[in-house]
Amino acid sequence: MYDFWFYCKLGINHVLDWGAYDHVLFLTALTAPFTFKHWRKVIVLATLFTIAHCLSLALSAYSIVKADVELVEFLIPLTIMLTAIFNIIQVSSGQSKNKGYLLEFSTTFFGIIHGFGFSNYFNMLMSEEDEKIGPLLGFASGIEISQVIVIFSILILAYIFQNKFGIKRVVFTVFVLLAIILLTIPMLIDSWPW
């Protein structure tokens, strides 16, 4: 029998671990262009990310797919940078709504990539005999809880800077996204697989 709370805490710590801040950077890049008015949209995007993240964990846990670790470690910061660049273009061009489902598709794809990045550690926690659905659900719950915490923290900070300090939304968003890009460059260099 697995311990739901153990895996739930593992999911929370996976996102909120300052030693592995890539998840927070991705969530920040995803959330920065939004305001409280659109909080539901951001939660839906984060939930798509969680589902995709856990899907890739499940594919790995059941030995259906084995990902190239070096490639995945490079793709993680690349997905963060691409999200930031996409959102800078959207915000700078004055487009508040994305055409089609590009953001939803890319968030789902990026969730799959990020899930494979964590799959080796997750698989070490379970032996072949372990029941895997329960731990995956516990882990997914922890990820979702921590993502909601991060998203609302970012939305609160955005509200403070934009409404209390009078910083224009576009300026705040572009500044945050450029900072994310700068933080991501060393991660890309360190994980360069070729």
C-alpha atoms as a PDB file:
ATOM      1  CA  MET A   1       0.000   0.000   0.000  1.00  0.00           C
ATOM      2  CA  TYR A   2       1.344   3.371  -0.954  1.00  0.00           C
ATOM      3  CA  ASP A   3       1.204   6.541   1.106  1.00  0.00           C
ATOM      4  CA  PHE A   4      -0.881   9.106  -0.808  1.00  0.00           C
ATOM      5  CA  TRP A   5       0.445  11.984   1.296  1.00  0.00           C
ATOM      6  CA  PHE A   6       4.057  10.941   0.698  1.00  0.00           C
ATOM      7  CA  TYR A   7       3.574  11.244  -3.067  1.00  0.00           C
ATOM      8  CA  CYS A   8       1.440  14.361  -2.711  1.00  0.00           C
ATOM      9  CA  LYS A   9       4.248  16.026  -0.690  1.00  0.00           C
ATOM     10  CA  LEU A  10       6.738  14.779  -3.268  1.00  0.00           C
ATOM     11  CA  GLY A  11       4.702  16.532  -5.979  1.00  0.00           C
ATOM     12  CA  ILE A  12       4.527  19.736  -3.937  1.00  0.00           C
ATOM     13  CA  ASN A  13       8.263  19.658  -3.272  1.00  0.00           C
ATOM     14  CA  HIS A  14       8.976  18.865  -6.922  1.00  0.00           C
ATOM     15  CA  VAL A  15       7.475  22.199  -7.957  1.00  0.00           C
ATOM     16  CA  LEU A  16       8.510  24.324  -4.976  1.00  0.00           C
ATOM     17  CA  ASP A  17      12.107  23.045  -4.708  1.00  0.00           C
ATOM     18  CA  TRP A  18      14.379  26.089  -5.051  1.00  0.00           C
ATOM     19  CA  GLY A  19      17.225  23.799  -6.059  1.00  0.00           C
ATOM     20  CA  ALA A  20      15.252  22.821  -9.163  1.00  0.00           C
ATOM     21  CA  TYR A  21      13.475  26.059  -9.955  1.00  0.00           C
ATOM     22  CA  ASP A  22      12.771  25.220 -13.603  1.00  0.00           C
ATOM     23  CA  HIS A  23       9.137  24.410 -12.832  1.00  0.00           C
ATOM     24  CA  VAL A  24       8.593  27.772 -11.122  1.00  0.00           C
ATOM     25  CA  LEU A  25      10.266  29.542 -14.061  1.00  0.00           C
ATOM     26  CA  PHE A  26       7.937  27.787 -16.494  1.00  0.00           C
ATOM     27  CA  LEU A  27       4.853  28.647 -14.423  1.00  0.00           C
ATOM     28  CA  THR A  28       6.020  32.253 -14.159  1.00  0.00           C
ATOM     29  CA  ALA A  29       6.545  32.462 -17.928  1.00  0.00           C
ATOM     30  CA  LEU A  30       3.089  30.970 -18.438  1.00  0.00           C
ATOM     31  CA  THR A  31       1.330  33.195 -15.880  1.00  0.00           C
ATOM     32  CA  ALA A  32       3.093  36.564 -16.353  1.00  0.00           C
ATOM     33  CA  PRO A  33       0.837  37.864 -19.164  1.00  0.00           C
ATOM     34  CA  PHE A  34      -2.356  37.176 -17.210  1.00  0.00           C
ATOM     35  CA  THR A  35      -4.232  39.086 -14.519  1.00  0.00           C
ATOM     36  CA  PHE A  36      -6.649  37.948 -11.828  1.00  0.00           C
ATOM     37  CA  LYS A  37      -9.436  38.487 -14.339  1.00  0.00           C
ATOM     38  CA  HIS A  38      -8.092  35.484 -16.264  1.00  0.00           C
ATOM     39  CA  TRP A  39      -7.076  33.257 -13.332  1.00  0.00           C
ATOM     40  CA  ARG A  40      -9.301  30.392 -14.521  1.00  0.00           C
ATOM     41  CA  LYS A  41      -7.504  30.286 -17.875  1.00  0.00           C
ATOM     42  CA  VAL A  42      -4.127  29.988 -16.127  1.00  0.00           C
ATOM     43  CA  ILE A  43      -5.403  27.214 -13.845  1.00  0.00           C
ATOM     44  CA  VAL A  44      -6.705  25.318 -16.899  1.00  0.00           C
ATOM     45  CA  LEU A  45      -3.280  25.673 -18.551  1.00  0.00           C
ATOM     46  CA  ALA A  46      -1.557  24.475 -15.361  1.00  0.00           C
ATOM     47  CA  THR A  47      -3.940  21.514 -15.147  1.00  0.00           C
ATOM     48  CA  LEU A  48      -3.143  20.583 -18.760  1.00  0.00           C
ATOM     49  CA  PHE A  49       0.518  20.743 -17.796  1.00  0.00           C
ATOM     50  CA  THR A  50      -0.101  18.498 -14.754  1.00  0.00           C
ATOM     51  CA  ILE A  51      -2.028  15.914 -16.777  1.00  0.00           C
ATOM     52  CA  ALA A  52       0.679  15.797 -19.447  1.00  0.00           C
ATOM     53  CA  HIS A  53       3.427  15.705 -16.803  1.00  0.00           C
ATOM     54  CA  CYS A  54       1.813  12.716 -15.107  1.00  0.00           C
ATOM     55  CA  LEU A  55       1.070  11.029 -18.428  1.00  0.00           C
ATOM     56  CA  SER A  56       4.773  11.005 -19.287  1.00  0.00           C
ATOM     57  CA  LEU A  57       5.557   9.754 -15.764  1.00  0.00           C
ATOM     58  CA  ALA A  58       3.051   6.930 -16.275  1.00  0.00           C
ATOM     59  CA  LEU A  59       4.483   6.053 -19.691  1.00  0.00           C
ATOM     60  CA  SER A  60       7.908   5.852 -18.078  1.00  0.00           C
ATOM     61  CA  ALA A  61       6.723   4.023 -14.925  1.00  0.00           C
ATOM     62  CA  TYR A  62       5.088   1.313 -17.043  1.00  0.00           C
ATOM     63  CA  SER A  63       8.163   1.139 -19.335  1.00  0.00           C
ATOM     64  CA  ILE A  64       6.128   2.135 -22.393  1.00  0.00           C
ATOM     65  CA  VAL A  65       8.424   5.030 -23.326  1.00  0.00           C
ATOM     66  CA  LYS A  66      12.024   5.641 -22.353  1.00  0.00           C
ATOM     67  CA  ALA A  67      13.205   9.186 -23.007  1.00  0.00           C
ATOM     68  CA  ASP A  68      16.749  10.328 -23.729  1.00  0.00           C
ATOM     69  CA  VAL A  69      17.733  12.016 -20.454  1.00  0.00           C
ATOM     70  CA  GLU A  70      20.252  14.408 -22.032  1.00  0.00           C
ATOM     71  CA  LEU A  71      17.767  15.579 -24.639  1.00  0.00           C
ATOM     72  CA  VAL A  72      15.010  16.027 -22.046  1.00  0.00           C
ATOM     73  CA  GLU A  73      17.340  18.011 -19.761  1.00  0.00           C
ATOM     74  CA  PHE A  74      18.006  20.362 -22.685  1.00  0.00           C
ATOM     75  CA  LEU A  75      14.354  20.579 -23.763  1.00  0.00           C
ATOM     76  CA  ILE A  76      13.191  21.667 -20.290  1.00  0.00           C
ATOM     77  CA  PRO A  77      14.940  25.074 -20.321  1.00  0.00           C
ATOM     78  CA  LEU A  78      14.169  25.385 -24.032  1.00  0.00           C
ATOM     79  CA  THR A  79      10.430  25.043 -23.296  1.00  0.00           C
ATOM     80  CA  ILE A  80      10.727  27.730 -20.617  1.00  0.00           C
ATOM     81  CA  MET A  81      12.491  30.086 -23.023  1.00  0.00           C
ATOM     82  CA  LEU A  82      10.022  29.435 -25.860  1.00  0.00           C
ATOM     83  CA  THR A  83       7.074  30.126 -23.546  1.00  0.00           C
ATOM     84  CA  ALA A  84       8.654  33.410 -22.435  1.00  0.00           C
ATOM     85  CA  ILE A  85       9.439  34.457 -26.026  1.00  0.00           C
ATOM     86  CA  PHE A  86       5.927  33.545 -27.221  1.00  0.00           C
ATOM     87  CA  ASN A  87       4.355  35.577 -24.423  1.00  0.00           C
ATOM     88  CA  ILE A  88       6.635  38.581 -25.060  1.00  0.00           C
ATOM     89  CA  ILE A  89       5.517  38.564 -28.700  1.00  0.00           C
ATOM     90  CA  GLN A  90       1.855  38.248 -27.670  1.00  0.00           C
ATOM     91  CA  VAL A  91       2.016  41.038 -25.089  1.00  0.00           C
ATOM     92  CA  SER A  92       4.194  43.376 -27.176  1.00  0.00           C
ATOM     93  CA  SER A  93       1.909  43.072 -30.187  1.00  0.00           C
ATOM     94  CA  GLY A  94      -1.117  43.869 -28.048  1.00  0.00           C
ATOM     95  CA  GLN A  95      -2.719  40.468 -28.593  1.00  0.00           C
ATOM     96  CA  SER A  96      -4.378  39.387 -25.379  1.00  0.00           C
ATOM     97  CA  LYS A  97      -5.880  36.238 -26.867  1.00  0.00           C
ATOM     98  CA  ASN A  98      -3.896  33.601 -28.693  1.00  0.00           C
ATOM     99  CA  LYS A  99      -5.244  32.367 -31.973  1.00  0.00           C
ATOM    100  CA  GLY A 100      -6.252  28.731 -31.993  1.00  0.00           C
ATOM    101  CA  TYR A 101      -4.950  26.504 -29.240  1.00  0.00           C
ATOM    102  CA  LEU A 102      -1.218  27.126 -29.554  1.00  0.00           C
ATOM    103  CA  LEU A 103      -0.716  27.960 -25.863  1.00  0.00           C
ATOM    104  CA  GLU A 104      -2.775  24.956 -24.755  1.00  0.00           C
ATOM    105  CA  PHE A 105      -0.942  22.616 -27.128  1.00  0.00           C
ATOM    106  CA  SER A 106       2.508  23.898 -26.199  1.00  0.00           C
ATOM    107  CA  THR A 107       1.721  23.753 -22.461  1.00  0.00           C
ATOM    108  CA  THR A 108       0.616  20.125 -22.835  1.00  0.00           C
ATOM    109  CA  PHE A 109       3.711  19.254 -24.867  1.00  0.00           C
ATOM    110  CA  PHE A 110       5.956  21.003 -22.353  1.00  0.00           C
ATOM    111  CA  GLY A 111       4.255  19.070 -19.530  1.00  0.00           C
ATOM    112  CA  ILE A 112       5.209  15.828 -21.263  1.00  0.00           C
ATOM    113  CA  ILE A 113       8.833  16.977 -21.564  1.00  0.00           C
ATOM    114  CA  HIS A 114       9.001  18.078 -17.917  1.00  0.00           C
ATOM    115  CA  GLY A 115       7.448  14.785 -16.779  1.00  0.00           C
ATOM    116  CA  PHE A 116      10.117  12.766 -18.553  1.00  0.00           C
ATOM    117  CA  GLY A 117      12.700  14.943 -16.817  1.00  0.00           C
ATOM    118  CA  PHE A 118      11.451  13.734 -13.435  1.00  0.00           C
ATOM    119  CA  SER A 119      10.681  10.147 -14.446  1.00  0.00           C
ATOM    120  CA  ASN A 120      14.040   8.590 -13.507  1.00  0.00           C
ATOM    121  CA  TYR A 121      13.820   9.802  -9.914  1.00  0.00           C
ATOM    122  CA  PHE A 122      10.148   8.861  -9.669  1.00  0.00           C
ATOM    123  CA  ASN A 123      10.825   5.364 -11.011  1.00  0.00           C
ATOM    124  CA  MET A 124      13.598   4.803  -8.455  1.00  0.00           C
ATOM    125  CA  LEU A 125      11.025   5.285  -5.688  1.00  0.00           C
ATOM    126  CA  MET A 126       8.931   2.378  -6.907  1.00  0.00           C
ATOM    127  CA  SER A 127       9.919  -1.217  -7.451  1.00  0.00           C
ATOM    128  CA  GLU A 128       8.436  -3.381 -10.209  1.00  0.00           C
ATOM    129  CA  GLU A 129       5.828  -4.803  -7.815  1.00  0.00           C
ATOM    130  CA  ASP A 130       4.550  -1.451  -6.591  1.00  0.00           C
ATOM    131  CA  GLU A 131       1.074  -0.283  -7.490  1.00  0.00           C
ATOM    132  CA  LYS A 132       1.701   2.790  -9.653  1.00  0.00           C
ATOM    133  CA  ILE A 133      -1.653   4.484 -10.244  1.00  0.00           C
ATOM    134  CA  GLY A 134      -2.033   5.610  -6.614  1.00  0.00           C
ATOM    135  CA  PRO A 135       1.421   7.187  -6.383  1.00  0.00           C
ATOM    136  CA  LEU A 136       0.882   8.902  -9.740  1.00  0.00           C
ATOM    137  CA  LEU A 137      -2.432  10.360  -8.514  1.00  0.00           C
ATOM    138  CA  GLY A 138      -0.840  11.498  -5.251  1.00  0.00           C
ATOM    139  CA  PHE A 139       2.037  13.064  -7.135  1.00  0.00           C
ATOM    140  CA  ALA A 140      -0.334  14.774  -9.596  1.00  0.00           C
ATOM    141  CA  SER A 141      -2.338  16.185  -6.681  1.00  0.00           C
ATOM    142  CA  GLY A 142       0.821  17.620  -5.137  1.00  0.00           C
ATOM    143  CA  ILE A 143       1.883  19.164  -8.426  1.00  0.00           C
ATOM    144  CA  GLU A 144      -1.531  20.756  -8.917  1.00  0.00           C
ATOM    145  CA  ILE A 145      -1.638  22.148  -5.357  1.00  0.00           C
ATOM    146  CA  SER A 146       1.814  23.693  -5.671  1.00  0.00           C
ATOM    147  CA  GLN A 147       1.082  25.070  -9.146  1.00  0.00           C
ATOM    148  CA  VAL A 148      -2.013  26.845  -7.826  1.00  0.00           C
ATOM    149  CA  ILE A 149       0.138  28.331  -5.029  1.00  0.00           C
ATOM    150  CA  VAL A 150       2.756  29.543  -7.535  1.00  0.00           C
ATOM    151  CA  ILE A 151       0.161  30.914  -9.970  1.00  0.00           C
ATOM    152  CA  PHE A 152      -1.697  32.902  -7.319  1.00  0.00           C
ATOM    153  CA  SER A 153       1.608  34.176  -5.892  1.00  0.00           C
ATOM    154  CA  ILE A 154       2.587  35.461  -9.344  1.00  0.00           C
ATOM    155  CA  LEU A 155      -0.846  37.012  -9.905  1.00  0.00           C
ATOM    156  CA  ILE A 156      -0.651  38.732  -6.493  1.00  0.00           C
ATOM    157  CA  LEU A 157       2.827  40.111  -7.257  1.00  0.00           C
ATOM    158  CA  ALA A 158       1.628  41.303 -10.670  1.00  0.00           C
ATOM    159  CA  TYR A 159      -1.359  42.998  -9.040  1.00  0.00           C
ATOM    160  CA  ILE A 160       0.866  44.744  -6.478  1.00  0.00           C
ATOM    161  CA  PHE A 161       3.366  46.002  -9.063  1.00  0.00           C
ATOM    162  CA  GLN A 162       0.733  47.030 -11.585  1.00  0.00           C
ATOM    163  CA  ASN A 163      -1.935  48.485  -9.285  1.00  0.00           C
ATOM    164  CA  LYS A 164      -0.033  49.690  -6.228  1.00  0.00           C
ATOM    165  CA  PHE A 165       3.220  50.835  -7.875  1.00  0.00           C
ATOM    166  CA  GLY A 166       1.616  51.867 -11.168  1.00  0.00           C
ATOM    167  CA  ILE A 167       3.845  49.811 -13.458  1.00  0.00           C
ATOM    168  CA  LYS A 168       2.139  49.243 -16.793  1.00  0.00           C
ATOM    169  CA  ARG A 169       1.075  45.663 -17.451  1.00  0.00           C
ATOM    170  CA  VAL A 170       3.107  45.375 -20.666  1.00  0.00           C
ATOM    171  CA  VAL A 171       6.253  46.738 -18.993  1.00  0.00           C
ATOM    172  CA  PHE A 172       5.887  44.419 -15.995  1.00  0.00           C
ATOM    173  CA  THR A 173       5.188  41.372 -18.156  1.00  0.00           C
ATOM    174  CA  VAL A 174       8.050  41.964 -20.597  1.00  0.00           C
ATOM    175  CA  PHE A 175      10.475  42.652 -17.725  1.00  0.00           C
ATOM    176  CA  VAL A 176       9.509  39.401 -15.960  1.00  0.00           C
ATOM    177  CA  LEU A 177       9.721  37.388 -19.183  1.00  0.00           C
ATOM    178  CA  LEU A 178      13.111  38.862 -20.116  1.00  0.00           C
ATOM    179  CA  ALA A 179      14.387  37.991 -16.627  1.00  0.00           C
ATOM    180  CA  ILE A 180      13.191  34.413 -17.150  1.00  0.00           C
ATOM    181  CA  ILE A 181      15.005  34.237 -20.490  1.00  0.00           C
ATOM    182  CA  LEU A 182      18.220  35.477 -18.852  1.00  0.00           C
ATOM    183  CA  LEU A 183      17.887  32.901 -16.061  1.00  0.00           C
ATOM    184  CA  THR A 184      17.255  30.168 -18.614  1.00  0.00           C
ATOM    185  CA  ILE A 185      20.305  30.825 -20.813  1.00  0.00           C
ATOM    186  CA  PRO A 186      22.805  29.237 -18.352  1.00  0.00           C
ATOM    187  CA  MET A 187      20.484  26.228 -17.995  1.00  0.00           C
ATOM    188  CA  LEU A 188      20.494  25.802 -21.790  1.00  0.00           C
ATOM    189  CA  ILE A 189      24.283  26.081 -21.959  1.00  0.00           C
ATOM    190  CA  ASP A 190      24.799  23.602 -19.108  1.00  0.00           C
ATOM    191  CA  SER A 191      22.408  21.054 -20.610  1.00  0.00           C
ATOM    192  CA  TRP A 192      23.526  21.385 -24.264  1.00  0.00           C
ATOM    193  CA  PRO A 193      23.436  17.763 -25.481  1.00  0.00           C
ATOM    194  CA  TRP A 194      25.547  17.984 -28.652  1.00  0.00           C
END
